[in-house]
Amino acid sequence: MKSFELKGNQWFLNGDITFKEILSVHEQAQSYAWKDSVVLNLEGVEELDTSLLSFILEQRRQAKKFGKVLTVQNPPPSLISLSKLYGIERFI
């Protein structure tokens, strides 16, 4: 299973999304042209670390740059906990 799948304006992250995988995910996300806003679905994410938070924040900056919005769906409880720890839960 791929870590990153792009279906129109829907992005699906699956499996482990940690420092080890995030560079590949980031490179794949760079191919998006930002013609539409994006829904980032995290339902399939298993293990994660702060690199996923960084990825989400970077993609929010990209969306804003193009006048679009990035919406996060199905964030795992561990991501919510990390975002609260860093005081950025409103971005998730």
C-alpha atoms as a PDB file:
ATOM      1  CA  MET A   1       0.000   0.000   0.000  1.00  0.00           C
ATOM      2  CA  LYS A   2       1.281   3.446  -0.893  1.00  0.00           C
ATOM      3  CA  SER A   3       1.762   5.967   1.905  1.00  0.00           C
ATOM      4  CA  PHE A   4       0.241   8.705  -0.275  1.00  0.00           C
ATOM      5  CA  GLU A   5      -2.591   8.471  -2.777  1.00  0.00           C
ATOM      6  CA  LEU A   6      -3.958  11.416  -4.721  1.00  0.00           C
ATOM      7  CA  LYS A   7      -7.497  11.114  -6.090  1.00  0.00           C
ATOM      8  CA  GLY A   8      -8.574  14.450  -7.531  1.00  0.00           C
ATOM      9  CA  ASN A   9      -8.524  16.899  -4.643  1.00  0.00           C
ATOM     10  CA  GLN A  10      -8.606  14.075  -2.084  1.00  0.00           C
ATOM     11  CA  TRP A  11      -5.291  13.066  -0.528  1.00  0.00           C
ATOM     12  CA  PHE A  12      -5.109   9.804   1.410  1.00  0.00           C
ATOM     13  CA  LEU A  13      -2.270   8.989   3.787  1.00  0.00           C
ATOM     14  CA  ASN A  14      -1.876   5.354   4.800  1.00  0.00           C
ATOM     15  CA  GLY A  15       0.344   3.282   7.039  1.00  0.00           C
ATOM     16  CA  ASP A  16       3.211   4.795   8.977  1.00  0.00           C
ATOM     17  CA  ILE A  17       3.862   8.497   8.398  1.00  0.00           C
ATOM     18  CA  THR A  18       7.055   9.244  10.260  1.00  0.00           C
ATOM     19  CA  PHE A  19      10.366  10.923   9.546  1.00  0.00           C
ATOM     20  CA  LYS A  20      11.274   7.883   7.443  1.00  0.00           C
ATOM     21  CA  GLU A  21       8.300   8.230   5.063  1.00  0.00           C
ATOM     22  CA  ILE A  22       7.584  11.964   5.075  1.00  0.00           C
ATOM     23  CA  LEU A  23      10.084  12.978   2.390  1.00  0.00           C
ATOM     24  CA  SER A  24       8.434  10.662  -0.129  1.00  0.00           C
ATOM     25  CA  VAL A  25       4.982  11.918   0.879  1.00  0.00           C
ATOM     26  CA  HIS A  26       6.132  15.530   0.565  1.00  0.00           C
ATOM     27  CA  GLU A  27       7.625  14.922  -2.890  1.00  0.00           C
ATOM     28  CA  GLN A  28       4.393  13.347  -4.113  1.00  0.00           C
ATOM     29  CA  ALA A  29       2.312  16.213  -2.717  1.00  0.00           C
ATOM     30  CA  GLN A  30       4.454  18.702  -4.657  1.00  0.00           C
ATOM     31  CA  SER A  31       2.920  17.414  -7.896  1.00  0.00           C
ATOM     32  CA  TYR A  32      -0.469  18.878  -6.931  1.00  0.00           C
ATOM     33  CA  ALA A  33      -1.322  21.985  -8.974  1.00  0.00           C
ATOM     34  CA  TRP A  34      -3.594  23.605  -6.327  1.00  0.00           C
ATOM     35  CA  LYS A  35      -6.463  24.294  -8.725  1.00  0.00           C
ATOM     36  CA  ASP A  36      -8.844  23.145  -5.970  1.00  0.00           C
ATOM     37  CA  SER A  37      -8.835  23.003  -2.208  1.00  0.00           C
ATOM     38  CA  VAL A  38      -7.680  19.696  -0.704  1.00  0.00           C
ATOM     39  CA  VAL A  39      -9.144  17.205   1.734  1.00  0.00           C
ATOM     40  CA  LEU A  40      -6.361  15.326   3.543  1.00  0.00           C
ATOM     41  CA  ASN A  41      -7.796  12.033   4.802  1.00  0.00           C
ATOM     42  CA  LEU A  42      -5.745  10.462   7.587  1.00  0.00           C
ATOM     43  CA  GLU A  43      -8.016   7.502   8.293  1.00  0.00           C
ATOM     44  CA  GLY A  44      -5.388   4.996   7.149  1.00  0.00           C
ATOM     45  CA  VAL A  45      -2.510   6.422   9.202  1.00  0.00           C
ATOM     46  CA  GLU A  46      -1.093   4.009  11.762  1.00  0.00           C
ATOM     47  CA  GLU A  47       2.145   5.256  13.333  1.00  0.00           C
ATOM     48  CA  LEU A  48       3.070   8.944  13.147  1.00  0.00           C
ATOM     49  CA  ASP A  49       5.417  11.508  14.588  1.00  0.00           C
ATOM     50  CA  THR A  50       5.837  15.270  14.483  1.00  0.00           C
ATOM     51  CA  SER A  51       6.919  15.144  10.843  1.00  0.00           C
ATOM     52  CA  LEU A  52       3.239  14.675   9.946  1.00  0.00           C
ATOM     53  CA  LEU A  53       2.391  17.870  11.834  1.00  0.00           C
ATOM     54  CA  SER A  54       5.085  19.666   9.884  1.00  0.00           C
ATOM     55  CA  PHE A  55       3.733  18.282   6.607  1.00  0.00           C
ATOM     56  CA  ILE A  56       0.202  19.459   7.410  1.00  0.00           C
ATOM     57  CA  LEU A  57       1.407  22.956   8.308  1.00  0.00           C
ATOM     58  CA  GLU A  58       3.471  23.176   5.113  1.00  0.00           C
ATOM     59  CA  GLN A  59       0.534  22.071   2.975  1.00  0.00           C
ATOM     60  CA  ARG A  60      -1.700  24.636   4.684  1.00  0.00           C
ATOM     61  CA  ARG A  61       0.861  27.306   3.706  1.00  0.00           C
ATOM     62  CA  GLN A  62       0.842  26.019   0.123  1.00  0.00           C
ATOM     63  CA  ALA A  63      -2.955  26.068   0.004  1.00  0.00           C
ATOM     64  CA  LYS A  64      -3.062  29.626   1.347  1.00  0.00           C
ATOM     65  CA  LYS A  65      -0.444  30.713  -1.203  1.00  0.00           C
ATOM     66  CA  PHE A  66      -2.820  29.589  -3.980  1.00  0.00           C
ATOM     67  CA  GLY A  67      -5.986  30.911  -2.319  1.00  0.00           C
ATOM     68  CA  LYS A  68      -7.164  27.400  -1.403  1.00  0.00           C
ATOM     69  CA  VAL A  69      -7.859  25.484   1.795  1.00  0.00           C
ATOM     70  CA  LEU A  70      -6.488  22.240   3.200  1.00  0.00           C
ATOM     71  CA  THR A  71      -9.001  20.352   5.356  1.00  0.00           C
ATOM     72  CA  VAL A  72      -7.889  17.452   7.550  1.00  0.00           C
ATOM     73  CA  GLN A  73     -10.303  14.524   7.901  1.00  0.00           C
ATOM     74  CA  ASN A  74     -10.104  11.621  10.334  1.00  0.00           C
ATOM     75  CA  PRO A  75      -7.042  12.704  12.314  1.00  0.00           C
ATOM     76  CA  PRO A  76      -5.786   9.878  14.538  1.00  0.00           C
ATOM     77  CA  PRO A  77      -6.016  10.512  18.310  1.00  0.00           C
ATOM     78  CA  SER A  78      -2.209  10.568  18.545  1.00  0.00           C
ATOM     79  CA  LEU A  79      -2.061  13.435  16.027  1.00  0.00           C
ATOM     80  CA  ILE A  80      -4.641  15.389  18.005  1.00  0.00           C
ATOM     81  CA  SER A  81      -2.610  14.820  21.183  1.00  0.00           C
ATOM     82  CA  LEU A  82       0.604  16.008  19.510  1.00  0.00           C
ATOM     83  CA  SER A  83      -1.104  19.080  18.090  1.00  0.00           C
ATOM     84  CA  LYS A  84      -2.434  19.980  21.551  1.00  0.00           C
ATOM     85  CA  LEU A  85       1.009  19.473  23.059  1.00  0.00           C
ATOM     86  CA  TYR A  86       2.443  22.003  20.569  1.00  0.00           C
ATOM     87  CA  GLY A  87      -0.544  24.355  20.812  1.00  0.00           C
ATOM     88  CA  ILE A  88      -1.532  24.020  17.155  1.00  0.00           C
ATOM     89  CA  GLU A  89      -4.721  21.940  17.438  1.00  0.00           C
ATOM     90  CA  ARG A  90      -6.732  24.578  15.575  1.00  0.00           C
ATOM     91  CA  PHE A  91      -4.725  23.717  12.439  1.00  0.00           C
ATOM     92  CA  ILE A  92      -5.722  20.074  12.619  1.00  0.00           C
END
